[in-house]
């Protein structure tokens, strides 16, 4: 059974960094388009980043230059390195297998001033 499990969220001060991890099972992450999304309190879920099978990455404008997506094929894991975090980055972050629409359970990121 395919599954995605996120981890790495937490509380961090503005300007700090966190690295989120998304581990897949039941399928190979490098075969599919993987995406990161986030949902802030009271707001709709929004797309954050895409990691294509060939390694190309795409980011929403608000995180360009601050967030970096990467993948470890040996671990079947996807990462989101988040630097220079802003208050508005506070949200629950989710990874997704784009083709199958499989979502992880999410991990909370809270940025404090």
C-alpha atoms as a PDB file:
ATOM      1  CA  UNK A   1       0.000   0.000   0.000  1.00  0.00           C
ATOM      2  CA  UNK A   2       1.422   3.335  -1.069  1.00  0.00           C
ATOM      3  CA  UNK A   3       2.093   5.837   1.683  1.00  0.00           C
ATOM      4  CA  UNK A   4       3.814   9.163   2.298  1.00  0.00           C
ATOM      5  CA  UNK A   5       5.024  10.255   5.727  1.00  0.00           C
ATOM      6  CA  UNK A   6       6.254  13.781   6.431  1.00  0.00           C
ATOM      7  CA  UNK A   7       8.439  14.852   9.328  1.00  0.00           C
ATOM      8  CA  UNK A   8      10.729  17.666  10.360  1.00  0.00           C
ATOM      9  CA  UNK A   9       8.282  20.383  11.223  1.00  0.00           C
ATOM     10  CA  UNK A  10       8.527  22.406  14.398  1.00  0.00           C
ATOM     11  CA  UNK A  11       8.760  25.845  15.950  1.00  0.00           C
ATOM     12  CA  UNK A  12      11.427  28.181  14.637  1.00  0.00           C
ATOM     13  CA  UNK A  13      12.148  31.869  14.928  1.00  0.00           C
ATOM     14  CA  UNK A  14      11.787  34.172  11.969  1.00  0.00           C
ATOM     15  CA  UNK A  15      14.920  33.933   9.838  1.00  0.00           C
ATOM     16  CA  UNK A  16      15.612  30.384  10.939  1.00  0.00           C
ATOM     17  CA  UNK A  17      15.698  27.137   8.993  1.00  0.00           C
ATOM     18  CA  UNK A  18      13.978  23.771   8.949  1.00  0.00           C
ATOM     19  CA  UNK A  19      14.275  20.725   6.711  1.00  0.00           C
ATOM     20  CA  UNK A  20      11.172  18.714   5.997  1.00  0.00           C
ATOM     21  CA  UNK A  21      11.353  15.065   4.999  1.00  0.00           C
ATOM     22  CA  UNK A  22       8.818  13.036   3.042  1.00  0.00           C
ATOM     23  CA  UNK A  23       9.424   9.290   2.945  1.00  0.00           C
ATOM     24  CA  UNK A  24       7.561   7.185   0.437  1.00  0.00           C
ATOM     25  CA  UNK A  25       6.644   3.518   0.545  1.00  0.00           C
ATOM     26  CA  UNK A  26       4.852   1.302  -1.941  1.00  0.00           C
ATOM     27  CA  UNK A  27       6.168   3.226  -4.924  1.00  0.00           C
ATOM     28  CA  UNK A  28       9.388   4.863  -6.144  1.00  0.00           C
ATOM     29  CA  UNK A  29       9.518   8.632  -5.689  1.00  0.00           C
ATOM     30  CA  UNK A  30      12.026   9.086  -8.513  1.00  0.00           C
ATOM     31  CA  UNK A  31       9.479   7.700 -11.005  1.00  0.00           C
ATOM     32  CA  UNK A  32       6.860  10.357 -10.353  1.00  0.00           C
ATOM     33  CA  UNK A  33       6.324  14.082 -10.055  1.00  0.00           C
ATOM     34  CA  UNK A  34       6.354  14.975  -6.367  1.00  0.00           C
ATOM     35  CA  UNK A  35       5.007  18.202  -4.949  1.00  0.00           C
ATOM     36  CA  UNK A  36       5.050  20.114  -1.683  1.00  0.00           C
ATOM     37  CA  UNK A  37       2.013  22.082  -0.541  1.00  0.00           C
ATOM     38  CA  UNK A  38       1.075  23.998   2.573  1.00  0.00           C
ATOM     39  CA  UNK A  39      -2.078  25.103   4.317  1.00  0.00           C
ATOM     40  CA  UNK A  40      -2.097  28.047   6.684  1.00  0.00           C
ATOM     41  CA  UNK A  41      -4.854  28.480   9.277  1.00  0.00           C
ATOM     42  CA  UNK A  42      -8.050  29.659   7.639  1.00  0.00           C
ATOM     43  CA  UNK A  43      -6.585  29.491   4.143  1.00  0.00           C
ATOM     44  CA  UNK A  44      -6.769  27.109   1.221  1.00  0.00           C
ATOM     45  CA  UNK A  45      -4.002  24.624   0.599  1.00  0.00           C
ATOM     46  CA  UNK A  46      -1.420  26.110  -1.785  1.00  0.00           C
ATOM     47  CA  UNK A  47       1.287  24.660  -3.969  1.00  0.00           C
ATOM     48  CA  UNK A  48       4.855  25.351  -2.804  1.00  0.00           C
ATOM     49  CA  UNK A  49       7.264  23.308  -4.937  1.00  0.00           C
ATOM     50  CA  UNK A  50       7.546  20.559  -7.533  1.00  0.00           C
ATOM     51  CA  UNK A  51      10.318  18.000  -7.931  1.00  0.00           C
ATOM     52  CA  UNK A  52      10.241  16.289 -11.329  1.00  0.00           C
ATOM     53  CA  UNK A  53      11.625  12.783 -11.952  1.00  0.00           C
ATOM     54  CA  UNK A  54      14.580  14.187 -13.886  1.00  0.00           C
ATOM     55  CA  UNK A  55      15.474  16.525 -11.047  1.00  0.00           C
ATOM     56  CA  UNK A  56      13.969  19.784 -12.266  1.00  0.00           C
ATOM     57  CA  UNK A  57      12.469  21.909  -9.519  1.00  0.00           C
ATOM     58  CA  UNK A  58       9.848  24.629  -9.532  1.00  0.00           C
ATOM     59  CA  UNK A  59       8.788  26.957  -6.752  1.00  0.00           C
ATOM     60  CA  UNK A  60       6.014  29.367  -5.997  1.00  0.00           C
ATOM     61  CA  UNK A  61       7.268  32.958  -6.097  1.00  0.00           C
ATOM     62  CA  UNK A  62       6.985  33.565  -2.364  1.00  0.00           C
ATOM     63  CA  UNK A  63       9.581  30.884  -1.533  1.00  0.00           C
ATOM     64  CA  UNK A  64      12.000  31.242  -4.441  1.00  0.00           C
ATOM     65  CA  UNK A  65      15.537  31.729  -3.188  1.00  0.00           C
ATOM     66  CA  UNK A  66      14.599  30.508   0.303  1.00  0.00           C
ATOM     67  CA  UNK A  67      13.292  26.937  -0.171  1.00  0.00           C
ATOM     68  CA  UNK A  68      15.110  24.100  -1.903  1.00  0.00           C
ATOM     69  CA  UNK A  69      13.605  20.737  -2.800  1.00  0.00           C
ATOM     70  CA  UNK A  70      15.824  17.674  -3.148  1.00  0.00           C
ATOM     71  CA  UNK A  71      15.538  13.907  -3.290  1.00  0.00           C
ATOM     72  CA  UNK A  72      17.483  10.927  -1.952  1.00  0.00           C
ATOM     73  CA  UNK A  73      16.728   7.969  -4.176  1.00  0.00           C
ATOM     74  CA  UNK A  74      18.463   5.496  -1.871  1.00  0.00           C
ATOM     75  CA  UNK A  75      16.095   6.486   0.921  1.00  0.00           C
ATOM     76  CA  UNK A  76      13.072   7.013  -1.345  1.00  0.00           C
ATOM     77  CA  UNK A  77      12.754  10.392   0.322  1.00  0.00           C
ATOM     78  CA  UNK A  78      12.000  13.945  -0.702  1.00  0.00           C
ATOM     79  CA  UNK A  79      13.227  16.951   1.244  1.00  0.00           C
ATOM     80  CA  UNK A  80      12.297  20.601   1.514  1.00  0.00           C
ATOM     81  CA  UNK A  81      15.055  22.788   2.939  1.00  0.00           C
ATOM     82  CA  UNK A  82      13.486  25.994   4.180  1.00  0.00           C
ATOM     83  CA  UNK A  83      15.798  28.905   4.987  1.00  0.00           C
ATOM     84  CA  UNK A  84      15.135  32.475   6.067  1.00  0.00           C
ATOM     85  CA  UNK A  85      11.683  31.506   7.251  1.00  0.00           C
ATOM     86  CA  UNK A  86       9.046  34.218   7.480  1.00  0.00           C
ATOM     87  CA  UNK A  87       6.026  34.456   9.775  1.00  0.00           C
ATOM     88  CA  UNK A  88       3.789  33.841   6.769  1.00  0.00           C
ATOM     89  CA  UNK A  89       5.440  30.466   6.156  1.00  0.00           C
ATOM     90  CA  UNK A  90       3.544  29.123   9.173  1.00  0.00           C
ATOM     91  CA  UNK A  91       1.392  26.265   7.891  1.00  0.00           C
ATOM     92  CA  UNK A  92       0.939  22.529   7.761  1.00  0.00           C
ATOM     93  CA  UNK A  93       3.191  21.203   5.007  1.00  0.00           C
ATOM     94  CA  UNK A  94       2.249  18.218   2.872  1.00  0.00           C
ATOM     95  CA  UNK A  95       4.009  16.188   0.222  1.00  0.00           C
ATOM     96  CA  UNK A  96       2.079  14.639  -2.636  1.00  0.00           C
ATOM     97  CA  UNK A  97       2.470  12.080  -5.389  1.00  0.00           C
ATOM     98  CA  UNK A  98       1.051  14.294  -8.118  1.00  0.00           C
ATOM     99  CA  UNK A  99      -0.093  11.503 -10.439  1.00  0.00           C
ATOM    100  CA  UNK A 100      -1.909   9.426  -7.856  1.00  0.00           C
ATOM    101  CA  UNK A 101      -2.975  12.379  -5.685  1.00  0.00           C
ATOM    102  CA  UNK A 102      -1.617  10.525  -2.669  1.00  0.00           C
ATOM    103  CA  UNK A 103      -1.017  12.880   0.265  1.00  0.00           C
ATOM    104  CA  UNK A 104       0.974  12.538   3.436  1.00  0.00           C
ATOM    105  CA  UNK A 105      -0.477  13.414   6.826  1.00  0.00           C
ATOM    106  CA  UNK A 106       1.317  16.746   7.007  1.00  0.00           C
ATOM    107  CA  UNK A 107       3.822  18.316   9.378  1.00  0.00           C
ATOM    108  CA  UNK A 108       3.309  21.588  11.235  1.00  0.00           C
ATOM    109  CA  UNK A 109       5.730  24.465  10.720  1.00  0.00           C
ATOM    110  CA  UNK A 110       5.360  27.436  13.036  1.00  0.00           C
ATOM    111  CA  UNK A 111       7.483  30.546  12.611  1.00  0.00           C
ATOM    112  CA  UNK A 112       7.608  32.956  15.554  1.00  0.00           C
ATOM    113  CA  UNK A 113       8.821  36.530  15.762  1.00  0.00           C
END
